[in-house]
């Protein structure tokens, strides 16, 4: 594959127009409704699953570490010793606004 994005894009468009898989250049089936061939679609699916699983594990670990340290698990801000909740007031306000569409009174 070429290094420049413009060259890669032109190859992508050329292969797509000719009915080939834009990633590998193999001929696609005529009745396929997908742009990529079956092999490339399987590659993307497996790659996506592995990346998502790794990110989920990293986020879970960071959440647990911050919680043990007495910090807000979302933003990492230190919480006071007497503060009873797990999430800081700023993050709680954002979560409330996201869930209910308004600020708490």
PDB file of N, CA and C in Angstrom:
ATOM      1  N   UNK A   1       0.834  -1.194   0.000  1.00  0.00           N
ATOM      2  CA  UNK A   1       0.000   0.000   0.000  1.00  0.00           C
ATOM      3  C   UNK A   1       0.874   1.251   0.000  1.00  0.00           C
ATOM      4  N   UNK A   2       0.467   2.256  -0.732  1.00  0.00           N
ATOM      5  CA  UNK A   2       1.203   3.525  -0.758  1.00  0.00           C
ATOM      6  C   UNK A   2       1.140   4.225   0.600  1.00  0.00           C
ATOM      7  N   UNK A   3       2.129   5.045   0.845  1.00  0.00           N
ATOM      8  CA  UNK A   3       2.227   5.726   2.129  1.00  0.00           C
ATOM      9  C   UNK A   3       1.314   6.951   2.210  1.00  0.00           C
ATOM     10  N   UNK A   4       1.107   7.620   1.098  1.00  0.00           N
ATOM     11  CA  UNK A   4       0.309   8.847   1.118  1.00  0.00           C
ATOM     12  C   UNK A   4      -1.180   8.523   1.145  1.00  0.00           C
ATOM     13  N   UNK A   5      -1.909   9.291   1.921  1.00  0.00           N
ATOM     14  CA  UNK A   5      -3.346   9.071   2.055  1.00  0.00           C
ATOM     15  C   UNK A   5      -4.077   9.321   0.739  1.00  0.00           C
ATOM     16  N   UNK A   6      -3.636  10.302  -0.021  1.00  0.00           N
ATOM     17  CA  UNK A   6      -4.313  10.610  -1.287  1.00  0.00           C
ATOM     18  C   UNK A   6      -4.167   9.452  -2.282  1.00  0.00           C
ATOM     19  N   UNK A   7      -2.999   8.818  -2.290  1.00  0.00           N
ATOM     20  CA  UNK A   7      -2.793   7.669  -3.179  1.00  0.00           C
ATOM     21  C   UNK A   7      -3.649   6.480  -2.732  1.00  0.00           C
ATOM     22  N   UNK A   8      -3.689   6.243  -1.424  1.00  0.00           N
ATOM     23  CA  UNK A   8      -4.512   5.147  -0.910  1.00  0.00           C
ATOM     24  C   UNK A   8      -5.980   5.375  -1.238  1.00  0.00           C
ATOM     25  N   UNK A   9      -6.422   6.610  -1.112  1.00  0.00           N
ATOM     26  CA  UNK A   9      -7.820   6.932  -1.396  1.00  0.00           C
ATOM     27  C   UNK A   9      -8.145   6.716  -2.874  1.00  0.00           C
ATOM     28  N   UNK A  10      -7.233   7.104  -3.756  1.00  0.00           N
ATOM     29  CA  UNK A  10      -7.494   6.926  -5.180  1.00  0.00           C
ATOM     30  C   UNK A  10      -7.538   5.435  -5.541  1.00  0.00           C
ATOM     31  N   UNK A  11      -6.664   4.616  -4.943  1.00  0.00           N
ATOM     32  CA  UNK A  11      -6.699   3.169  -5.171  1.00  0.00           C
ATOM     33  C   UNK A  11      -8.004   2.584  -4.637  1.00  0.00           C
ATOM     34  N   UNK A  12      -8.416   3.050  -3.461  1.00  0.00           N
ATOM     35  CA  UNK A  12      -9.684   2.603  -2.863  1.00  0.00           C
ATOM     36  C   UNK A  12     -10.839   2.880  -3.817  1.00  0.00           C
ATOM     37  N   UNK A  13     -10.932   4.100  -4.301  1.00  0.00           N
ATOM     38  CA  UNK A  13     -12.034   4.478  -5.199  1.00  0.00           C
ATOM     39  C   UNK A  13     -11.985   3.714  -6.519  1.00  0.00           C
ATOM     40  N   UNK A  14     -10.788   3.520  -7.046  1.00  0.00           N
ATOM     41  CA  UNK A  14     -10.629   2.800  -8.309  1.00  0.00           C
ATOM     42  C   UNK A  14     -11.077   1.351  -8.162  1.00  0.00           C
ATOM     43  N   UNK A  15     -10.629   0.682  -7.110  1.00  0.00           N
ATOM     44  CA  UNK A  15     -11.026  -0.712  -6.891  1.00  0.00           C
ATOM     45  C   UNK A  15     -12.521  -0.832  -6.633  1.00  0.00           C
ATOM     46  N   UNK A  16     -13.056   0.089  -5.881  1.00  0.00           N
ATOM     47  CA  UNK A  16     -14.494   0.054  -5.562  1.00  0.00           C
ATOM     48  C   UNK A  16     -15.322   0.211  -6.827  1.00  0.00           C
ATOM     49  N   UNK A  17     -14.913   1.126  -7.703  1.00  0.00           N
ATOM     50  CA  UNK A  17     -15.638   1.369  -8.945  1.00  0.00           C
ATOM     51  C   UNK A  17     -15.593   0.151  -9.869  1.00  0.00           C
ATOM     52  N   UNK A  18     -14.480  -0.564  -9.871  1.00  0.00           N
ATOM     53  CA  UNK A  18     -14.309  -1.718 -10.749  1.00  0.00           C
ATOM     54  C   UNK A  18     -14.930  -3.003 -10.188  1.00  0.00           C
ATOM     55  N   UNK A  19     -15.436  -2.952  -8.957  1.00  0.00           N
ATOM     56  CA  UNK A  19     -16.066  -4.124  -8.368  1.00  0.00           C
ATOM     57  C   UNK A  19     -15.114  -5.026  -7.605  1.00  0.00           C
ATOM     58  N   UNK A  20     -13.954  -4.492  -7.223  1.00  0.00           N
ATOM     59  CA  UNK A  20     -12.988  -5.248  -6.437  1.00  0.00           C
ATOM     60  C   UNK A  20     -13.074  -4.820  -4.976  1.00  0.00           C
ATOM     61  N   UNK A  21     -12.534  -5.658  -4.109  1.00  0.00           N
ATOM     62  CA  UNK A  21     -12.440  -5.309  -2.689  1.00  0.00           C
ATOM     63  C   UNK A  21     -11.429  -4.174  -2.552  1.00  0.00           C
ATOM     64  N   UNK A  22     -11.796  -3.056  -1.913  1.00  0.00           N
ATOM     65  CA  UNK A  22     -10.873  -1.924  -1.797  1.00  0.00           C
ATOM     66  C   UNK A  22      -9.631  -2.224  -0.968  1.00  0.00           C
ATOM     67  N   UNK A  23      -9.701  -3.199  -0.074  1.00  0.00           N
ATOM     68  CA  UNK A  23      -8.568  -3.490   0.800  1.00  0.00           C
ATOM     69  C   UNK A  23      -7.553  -4.410   0.137  1.00  0.00           C
ATOM     70  N   UNK A  24      -8.006  -5.539  -0.391  1.00  0.00           N
ATOM     71  CA  UNK A  24      -7.069  -6.547  -0.909  1.00  0.00           C
ATOM     72  C   UNK A  24      -7.052  -6.625  -2.431  1.00  0.00           C
ATOM     73  N   UNK A  25      -8.070  -6.135  -3.114  1.00  0.00           N
ATOM     74  CA  UNK A  25      -8.090  -6.132  -4.567  1.00  0.00           C
ATOM     75  C   UNK A  25      -8.688  -7.375  -5.197  1.00  0.00           C
ATOM     76  N   UNK A  26      -9.244  -8.288  -4.377  1.00  0.00           N
ATOM     77  CA  UNK A  26      -9.884  -9.486  -4.945  1.00  0.00           C
ATOM     78  C   UNK A  26     -11.233  -9.117  -5.545  1.00  0.00           C
ATOM     79  N   UNK A  27     -11.664  -9.884  -6.502  1.00  0.00           N
ATOM     80  CA  UNK A  27     -12.968  -9.676  -7.127  1.00  0.00           C
ATOM     81  C   UNK A  27     -14.051 -10.081  -6.130  1.00  0.00           C
ATOM     82  N   UNK A  28     -15.050  -9.209  -5.971  1.00  0.00           N
ATOM     83  CA  UNK A  28     -16.167  -9.516  -5.088  1.00  0.00           C
ATOM     84  C   UNK A  28     -17.222 -10.304  -5.836  1.00  0.00           C
ATOM     85  N   UNK A  29     -18.078 -10.982  -5.071  1.00  0.00           N
ATOM     86  CA  UNK A  29     -19.202 -11.666  -5.697  1.00  0.00           C
ATOM     87  C   UNK A  29     -20.172 -10.625  -6.230  1.00  0.00           C
ATOM     88  N   UNK A  30     -20.835 -10.934  -7.324  1.00  0.00           N
ATOM     89  CA  UNK A  30     -21.742  -9.962  -7.942  1.00  0.00           C
ATOM     90  C   UNK A  30     -22.962  -9.673  -7.087  1.00  0.00           C
ATOM     91  N   UNK A  31     -23.443 -10.670  -6.366  1.00  0.00           N
ATOM     92  CA  UNK A  31     -24.655 -10.473  -5.581  1.00  0.00           C
ATOM     93  C   UNK A  31     -24.364  -9.978  -4.168  1.00  0.00           C
ATOM     94  N   UNK A  32     -23.120  -9.680  -3.861  1.00  0.00           N
ATOM     95  CA  UNK A  32     -22.760  -9.204  -2.525  1.00  0.00           C
ATOM     96  C   UNK A  32     -23.180  -7.750  -2.370  1.00  0.00           C
ATOM     97  N   UNK A  33     -23.755  -7.430  -1.229  1.00  0.00           N
ATOM     98  CA  UNK A  33     -24.170  -6.049  -0.974  1.00  0.00           C
ATOM     99  C   UNK A  33     -23.103  -5.267  -0.215  1.00  0.00           C
ATOM    100  N   UNK A  34     -21.986  -5.928   0.091  1.00  0.00           N
ATOM    101  CA  UNK A  34     -20.923  -5.296   0.858  1.00  0.00           C
ATOM    102  C   UNK A  34     -19.815  -4.801  -0.060  1.00  0.00           C
ATOM    103  N   UNK A  35     -19.078  -3.802   0.395  1.00  0.00           N
ATOM    104  CA  UNK A  35     -17.975  -3.242  -0.367  1.00  0.00           C
ATOM    105  C   UNK A  35     -16.766  -4.166  -0.288  1.00  0.00           C
ATOM    106  N   UNK A  36     -16.518  -4.729   0.897  1.00  0.00           N
ATOM    107  CA  UNK A  36     -15.344  -5.571   1.111  1.00  0.00           C
ATOM    108  C   UNK A  36     -15.683  -7.038   0.875  1.00  0.00           C
ATOM    109  N   UNK A  37     -14.658  -7.833   0.537  1.00  0.00           N
ATOM    110  CA  UNK A  37     -14.850  -9.266   0.347  1.00  0.00           C
ATOM    111  C   UNK A  37     -15.057  -9.939   1.707  1.00  0.00           C
ATOM    112  N   UNK A  38     -15.444 -11.203   1.677  1.00  0.00           N
ATOM    113  CA  UNK A  38     -15.733 -11.921   2.914  1.00  0.00           C
ATOM    114  C   UNK A  38     -14.508 -12.039   3.816  1.00  0.00           C
ATOM    115  N   UNK A  39     -13.334 -12.265   3.234  1.00  0.00           N
ATOM    116  CA  UNK A  39     -12.109 -12.393   4.027  1.00  0.00           C
ATOM    117  C   UNK A  39     -11.788 -11.091   4.762  1.00  0.00           C
ATOM    118  N   UNK A  40     -11.894  -9.969   4.070  1.00  0.00           N
ATOM    119  CA  UNK A  40     -11.592  -8.676   4.687  1.00  0.00           C
ATOM    120  C   UNK A  40     -12.633  -8.310   5.737  1.00  0.00           C
ATOM    121  N   UNK A  41     -13.884  -8.650   5.479  1.00  0.00           N
ATOM    122  CA  UNK A  41     -14.923  -8.378   6.470  1.00  0.00           C
ATOM    123  C   UNK A  41     -14.669  -9.172   7.742  1.00  0.00           C
ATOM    124  N   UNK A  42     -14.249 -10.429   7.590  1.00  0.00           N
ATOM    125  CA  UNK A  42     -13.913 -11.258   8.741  1.00  0.00           C
ATOM    126  C   UNK A  42     -12.710 -10.685   9.492  1.00  0.00           C
ATOM    127  N   UNK A  43     -11.704 -10.192   8.748  1.00  0.00           N
ATOM    128  CA  UNK A  43     -10.540  -9.559   9.372  1.00  0.00           C
ATOM    129  C   UNK A  43     -10.964  -8.349  10.200  1.00  0.00           C
ATOM    130  N   UNK A  44     -11.780  -7.463   9.617  1.00  0.00           N
ATOM    131  CA  UNK A  44     -12.225  -6.267  10.334  1.00  0.00           C
ATOM    132  C   UNK A  44     -13.031  -6.633  11.574  1.00  0.00           C
ATOM    133  N   UNK A  45     -13.876  -7.627  11.455  1.00  0.00           N
ATOM    134  CA  UNK A  45     -14.710  -8.046  12.579  1.00  0.00           C
ATOM    135  C   UNK A  45     -13.842  -8.567  13.728  1.00  0.00           C
ATOM    136  N   UNK A  46     -12.881  -9.431  13.419  1.00  0.00           N
ATOM    137  CA  UNK A  46     -12.005  -9.971  14.454  1.00  0.00           C
ATOM    138  C   UNK A  46     -11.111  -8.897  15.057  1.00  0.00           C
ATOM    139  N   UNK A  47     -10.594  -8.011  14.221  1.00  0.00           N
ATOM    140  CA  UNK A  47      -9.746  -6.927  14.700  1.00  0.00           C
ATOM    141  C   UNK A  47     -10.530  -6.024  15.645  1.00  0.00           C
ATOM    142  N   UNK A  48     -11.737  -5.676  15.267  1.00  0.00           N
ATOM    143  CA  UNK A  48     -12.578  -4.809  16.090  1.00  0.00           C
ATOM    144  C   UNK A  48     -12.858  -5.453  17.445  1.00  0.00           C
ATOM    145  N   UNK A  49     -13.181  -6.736  17.449  1.00  0.00           N
ATOM    146  CA  UNK A  49     -13.470  -7.428  18.704  1.00  0.00           C
ATOM    147  C   UNK A  49     -12.258  -7.446  19.624  1.00  0.00           C
ATOM    148  N   UNK A  50     -11.076  -7.710  19.087  1.00  0.00           N
ATOM    149  CA  UNK A  50      -9.881  -7.777  19.929  1.00  0.00           C
ATOM    150  C   UNK A  50      -9.525  -6.406  20.491  1.00  0.00           C
ATOM    151  N   UNK A  51      -9.640  -5.368  19.668  1.00  0.00           N
ATOM    152  CA  UNK A  51      -9.328  -4.014  20.134  1.00  0.00           C
ATOM    153  C   UNK A  51     -10.327  -3.577  21.196  1.00  0.00           C
ATOM    154  N   UNK A  52     -11.601  -3.846  20.977  1.00  0.00           N
ATOM    155  CA  UNK A  52     -12.624  -3.449  21.940  1.00  0.00           C
ATOM    156  C   UNK A  52     -12.434  -4.166  23.275  1.00  0.00           C
ATOM    157  N   UNK A  53     -12.103  -5.436  23.211  1.00  0.00           N
ATOM    158  CA  UNK A  53     -11.894  -6.197  24.438  1.00  0.00           C
ATOM    159  C   UNK A  53     -10.706  -5.655  25.224  1.00  0.00           C
ATOM    160  N   UNK A  54      -9.623  -5.313  24.518  1.00  0.00           N
ATOM    161  CA  UNK A  54      -8.446  -4.765  25.182  1.00  0.00           C
ATOM    162  C   UNK A  54      -8.758  -3.411  25.822  1.00  0.00           C
ATOM    163  N   UNK A  55      -9.486  -2.548  25.102  1.00  0.00           N
ATOM    164  CA  UNK A  55      -9.837  -1.241  25.656  1.00  0.00           C
ATOM    165  C   UNK A  55     -10.768  -1.381  26.853  1.00  0.00           C
ATOM    166  N   UNK A  56     -11.709  -2.313  26.760  1.00  0.00           N
ATOM    167  CA  UNK A  56     -12.627  -2.524  27.872  1.00  0.00           C
ATOM    168  C   UNK A  56     -11.867  -2.964  29.129  1.00  0.00           C
ATOM    169  N   UNK A  57     -10.889  -3.839  28.958  1.00  0.00           N
ATOM    170  CA  UNK A  57     -10.075  -4.322  30.078  1.00  0.00           C
ATOM    171  C   UNK A  57      -9.256  -3.182  30.681  1.00  0.00           C
ATOM    172  N   UNK A  58      -8.674  -2.331  29.842  1.00  0.00           N
ATOM    173  CA  UNK A  58      -7.895  -1.190  30.332  1.00  0.00           C
ATOM    174  C   UNK A  58      -8.775  -0.230  31.121  1.00  0.00           C
ATOM    175  N   UNK A  59      -9.962   0.048  30.609  1.00  0.00           N
ATOM    176  CA  UNK A  59     -10.877   0.964  31.308  1.00  0.00           C
ATOM    177  C   UNK A  59     -11.331   0.386  32.637  1.00  0.00           C
ATOM    178  N   UNK A  60     -11.598  -0.914  32.638  1.00  0.00           N
ATOM    179  CA  UNK A  60     -12.019  -1.570  33.873  1.00  0.00           C
ATOM    180  C   UNK A  60     -10.921  -1.498  34.931  1.00  0.00           C
ATOM    181  N   UNK A  61      -9.677  -1.752  34.522  1.00  0.00           N
ATOM    182  CA  UNK A  61      -8.547  -1.684  35.453  1.00  0.00           C
ATOM    183  C   UNK A  61      -8.345  -0.273  35.988  1.00  0.00           C
ATOM    184  N   UNK A  62      -8.426   0.729  35.091  1.00  0.00           N
ATOM    185  CA  UNK A  62      -8.261   2.111  35.522  1.00  0.00           C
ATOM    186  C   UNK A  62      -9.363   2.520  36.502  1.00  0.00           C
ATOM    187  N   UNK A  63     -10.588   2.072  36.248  1.00  0.00           N
ATOM    188  CA  UNK A  63     -11.718   2.367  37.130  1.00  0.00           C
ATOM    189  C   UNK A  63     -11.455   1.800  38.525  1.00  0.00           C
ATOM    190  N   UNK A  64     -11.024   0.543  38.596  1.00  0.00           N
ATOM    191  CA  UNK A  64     -10.768  -0.096  39.885  1.00  0.00           C
ATOM    192  C   UNK A  64      -9.608   0.570  40.623  1.00  0.00           C
ATOM    193  N   UNK A  65      -8.532   0.915  39.910  1.00  0.00           N
ATOM    194  CA  UNK A  65      -7.389   1.583  40.541  1.00  0.00           C
ATOM    195  C   UNK A  65      -7.790   2.924  41.134  1.00  0.00           C
ATOM    196  N   UNK A  66      -8.517   3.698  40.378  1.00  0.00           N
ATOM    197  CA  UNK A  66      -8.933   5.014  40.868  1.00  0.00           C
ATOM    198  C   UNK A  66      -9.866   4.887  42.061  1.00  0.00           C
ATOM    199  N   UNK A  67     -10.737   3.915  42.026  1.00  0.00           N
ATOM    200  CA  UNK A  67     -11.670   3.704  43.132  1.00  0.00           C
ATOM    201  C   UNK A  67     -10.917   3.336  44.404  1.00  0.00           C
ATOM    202  N   UNK A  68      -9.914   2.475  44.288  1.00  0.00           N
ATOM    203  CA  UNK A  68      -9.110   2.079  45.449  1.00  0.00           C
ATOM    204  C   UNK A  68      -8.301   3.235  46.006  1.00  0.00           C
ATOM    205  N   UNK A  69      -7.862   4.150  45.146  1.00  0.00           N
ATOM    206  CA  UNK A  69      -7.052   5.289  45.572  1.00  0.00           C
ATOM    207  C   UNK A  69      -7.886   6.416  46.169  1.00  0.00           C
ATOM    208  N   UNK A  70      -9.208   6.303  46.138  1.00  0.00           N
ATOM    209  CA  UNK A  70     -10.066   7.355  46.663  1.00  0.00           C
ATOM    210  C   UNK A  70     -10.255   8.495  45.689  1.00  0.00           C
ATOM    211  N   UNK A  71     -10.132   8.210  44.403  1.00  0.00           N
ATOM    212  CA  UNK A  71     -10.328   9.219  43.360  1.00  0.00           C
ATOM    213  C   UNK A  71     -11.622   8.914  42.623  1.00  0.00           C
ATOM    214  N   UNK A  72     -12.096   9.902  41.889  1.00  0.00           N
ATOM    215  CA  UNK A  72     -13.266   9.691  41.043  1.00  0.00           C
ATOM    216  C   UNK A  72     -12.849   8.743  39.921  1.00  0.00           C
ATOM    217  N   UNK A  73     -13.556   7.639  39.732  1.00  0.00           N
ATOM    218  CA  UNK A  73     -13.169   6.686  38.702  1.00  0.00           C
ATOM    219  C   UNK A  73     -13.287   7.222  37.278  1.00  0.00           C
ATOM    220  N   UNK A  74     -14.053   8.253  37.073  1.00  0.00           N
ATOM    221  CA  UNK A  74     -14.240   8.793  35.723  1.00  0.00           C
ATOM    222  C   UNK A  74     -13.188   9.823  35.351  1.00  0.00           C
ATOM    223  N   UNK A  75     -12.980  10.824  36.219  1.00  0.00           N
ATOM    224  CA  UNK A  75     -12.061  11.903  35.863  1.00  0.00           C
ATOM    225  C   UNK A  75     -10.738  11.833  36.614  1.00  0.00           C
ATOM    226  N   UNK A  76     -10.668  11.078  37.712  1.00  0.00           N
ATOM    227  CA  UNK A  76      -9.428  10.932  38.458  1.00  0.00           C
ATOM    228  C   UNK A  76      -9.218  11.986  39.530  1.00  0.00           C
ATOM    229  N   UNK A  77     -10.196  12.861  39.737  1.00  0.00           N
ATOM    230  CA  UNK A  77     -10.075  13.909  40.739  1.00  0.00           C
ATOM    231  C   UNK A  77     -10.126  13.286  42.143  1.00  0.00           C
ATOM    232  N   UNK A  78      -9.263  13.760  43.046  1.00  0.00           N
ATOM    233  CA  UNK A  78      -9.244  13.244  44.411  1.00  0.00           C
ATOM    234  C   UNK A  78     -10.541  13.606  45.130  1.00  0.00           C
ATOM    235  N   UNK A  79     -11.082  12.647  45.860  1.00  0.00           N
ATOM    236  CA  UNK A  79     -12.297  12.864  46.638  1.00  0.00           C
ATOM    237  C   UNK A  79     -11.918  13.018  48.101  1.00  0.00           C
ATOM    238  N   UNK A  80     -12.702  13.788  48.837  1.00  0.00           N
ATOM    239  CA  UNK A  80     -12.442  13.974  50.258  1.00  0.00           C
ATOM    240  C   UNK A  80     -12.689  12.693  51.042  1.00  0.00           C
ATOM    241  N   UNK A  81     -12.090  12.601  52.226  1.00  0.00           N
ATOM    242  CA  UNK A  81     -12.244  11.385  53.030  1.00  0.00           C
ATOM    243  C   UNK A  81     -13.676  11.212  53.522  1.00  0.00           C
ATOM    244  N   UNK A  82     -14.373  12.306  53.719  1.00  0.00           N
ATOM    245  CA  UNK A  82     -15.742  12.225  54.220  1.00  0.00           C
ATOM    246  C   UNK A  82     -16.781  12.114  53.102  1.00  0.00           C
ATOM    247  N   UNK A  83     -16.345  12.232  51.878  1.00  0.00           N
ATOM    248  CA  UNK A  83     -17.265  12.152  50.747  1.00  0.00           C
ATOM    249  C   UNK A  83     -17.752  10.718  50.623  1.00  0.00           C
ATOM    250  N   UNK A  84     -19.076  10.515  50.669  1.00  0.00           N
ATOM    251  CA  UNK A  84     -19.647   9.174  50.758  1.00  0.00           C
ATOM    252  C   UNK A  84     -19.843   8.493  49.403  1.00  0.00           C
ATOM    253  N   UNK A  85     -19.921   9.264  48.352  1.00  0.00           N
ATOM    254  CA  UNK A  85     -20.205   8.673  47.039  1.00  0.00           C
ATOM    255  C   UNK A  85     -18.917   8.294  46.323  1.00  0.00           C
ATOM    256  N   UNK A  86     -19.049   7.478  45.286  1.00  0.00           N
ATOM    257  CA  UNK A  86     -17.883   7.011  44.539  1.00  0.00           C
ATOM    258  C   UNK A  86     -17.473   8.024  43.480  1.00  0.00           C
ATOM    259  N   UNK A  87     -18.444   8.670  42.838  1.00  0.00           N
ATOM    260  CA  UNK A  87     -18.187   9.594  41.732  1.00  0.00           C
ATOM    261  C   UNK A  87     -18.255  11.032  42.247  1.00  0.00           C
ATOM    262  N   UNK A  88     -17.369  11.888  41.756  1.00  0.00           N
ATOM    263  CA  UNK A  88     -17.308  13.283  42.207  1.00  0.00           C
ATOM    264  C   UNK A  88     -18.582  14.046  41.801  1.00  0.00           C
ATOM    265  N   UNK A  89     -18.871  15.167  42.457  1.00  0.00           N
ATOM    266  CA  UNK A  89     -20.084  15.930  42.143  1.00  0.00           C
ATOM    267  C   UNK A  89     -20.147  16.419  40.697  1.00  0.00           C
ATOM    268  N   UNK A  90     -19.008  16.794  40.112  1.00  0.00           N
ATOM    269  CA  UNK A  90     -18.997  17.263  38.729  1.00  0.00           C
ATOM    270  C   UNK A  90     -19.436  16.161  37.775  1.00  0.00           C
ATOM    271  N   UNK A  91     -18.884  14.967  37.959  1.00  0.00           N
ATOM    272  CA  UNK A  91     -19.233  13.843  37.085  1.00  0.00           C
ATOM    273  C   UNK A  91     -20.670  13.394  37.333  1.00  0.00           C
ATOM    274  N   UNK A  92     -21.123  13.459  38.582  1.00  0.00           N
ATOM    275  CA  UNK A  92     -22.518  13.118  38.877  1.00  0.00           C
ATOM    276  C   UNK A  92     -23.467  14.075  38.172  1.00  0.00           C
ATOM    277  N   UNK A  93     -23.110  15.355  38.175  1.00  0.00           N
ATOM    278  CA  UNK A  93     -23.941  16.363  37.501  1.00  0.00           C
ATOM    279  C   UNK A  93     -23.989  16.100  35.991  1.00  0.00           C
ATOM    280  N   UNK A  94     -22.842  15.783  35.416  1.00  0.00           N
ATOM    281  CA  UNK A  94     -22.807  15.472  33.981  1.00  0.00           C
ATOM    282  C   UNK A  94     -23.647  14.241  33.664  1.00  0.00           C
ATOM    283  N   UNK A  95     -23.540  13.228  34.517  1.00  0.00           N
ATOM    284  CA  UNK A  95     -24.311  12.006  34.294  1.00  0.00           C
ATOM    285  C   UNK A  95     -25.803  12.275  34.418  1.00  0.00           C
ATOM    286  N   UNK A  96     -26.208  13.075  35.407  1.00  0.00           N
ATOM    287  CA  UNK A  96     -27.613  13.406  35.591  1.00  0.00           C
ATOM    288  C   UNK A  96     -28.137  14.189  34.388  1.00  0.00           C
ATOM    289  N   UNK A  97     -27.346  15.142  33.922  1.00  0.00           N
ATOM    290  CA  UNK A  97     -27.753  15.954  32.774  1.00  0.00           C
ATOM    291  C   UNK A  97     -27.862  15.096  31.514  1.00  0.00           C
ATOM    292  N   UNK A  98     -26.947  14.155  31.343  1.00  0.00           N
ATOM    293  CA  UNK A  98     -26.988  13.263  30.184  1.00  0.00           C
ATOM    294  C   UNK A  98     -28.221  12.359  30.241  1.00  0.00           C
ATOM    295  N   UNK A  99     -28.507  11.800  31.417  1.00  0.00           N
ATOM    296  CA  UNK A  99     -29.623  10.863  31.550  1.00  0.00           C
ATOM    297  C   UNK A  99     -30.984  11.544  31.493  1.00  0.00           C
ATOM    298  N   UNK A 100     -31.102  12.708  32.107  1.00  0.00           N
ATOM    299  CA  UNK A 100     -32.411  13.341  32.224  1.00  0.00           C
ATOM    300  C   UNK A 100     -32.557  14.613  31.399  1.00  0.00           C
ATOM    301  N   UNK A 101     -31.490  15.099  30.796  1.00  0.00           N
ATOM    302  CA  UNK A 101     -31.563  16.252  29.917  1.00  0.00           C
ATOM    303  C   UNK A 101     -31.699  17.577  30.628  1.00  0.00           C
ATOM    304  N   UNK A 102     -31.457  17.616  31.915  1.00  0.00           N
ATOM    305  CA  UNK A 102     -31.556  18.879  32.667  1.00  0.00           C
ATOM    306  C   UNK A 102     -30.631  18.802  33.863  1.00  0.00           C
ATOM    307  N   UNK A 103     -30.335  19.975  34.402  1.00  0.00           N
ATOM    308  CA  UNK A 103     -29.480  20.031  35.587  1.00  0.00           C
ATOM    309  C   UNK A 103     -30.316  19.794  36.832  1.00  0.00           C
ATOM    310  N   UNK A 104     -29.649  19.241  37.849  1.00  0.00           N
ATOM    311  CA  UNK A 104     -30.353  19.040  39.121  1.00  0.00           C
ATOM    312  C   UNK A 104     -30.555  20.368  39.802  1.00  0.00           C
ATOM    313  N   UNK A 105     -31.642  20.489  40.507  1.00  0.00           N
ATOM    314  CA  UNK A 105     -31.893  21.756  41.210  1.00  0.00           C
ATOM    315  C   UNK A 105     -31.468  21.702  42.635  1.00  0.00           C
TER     316      UNK A 105
END
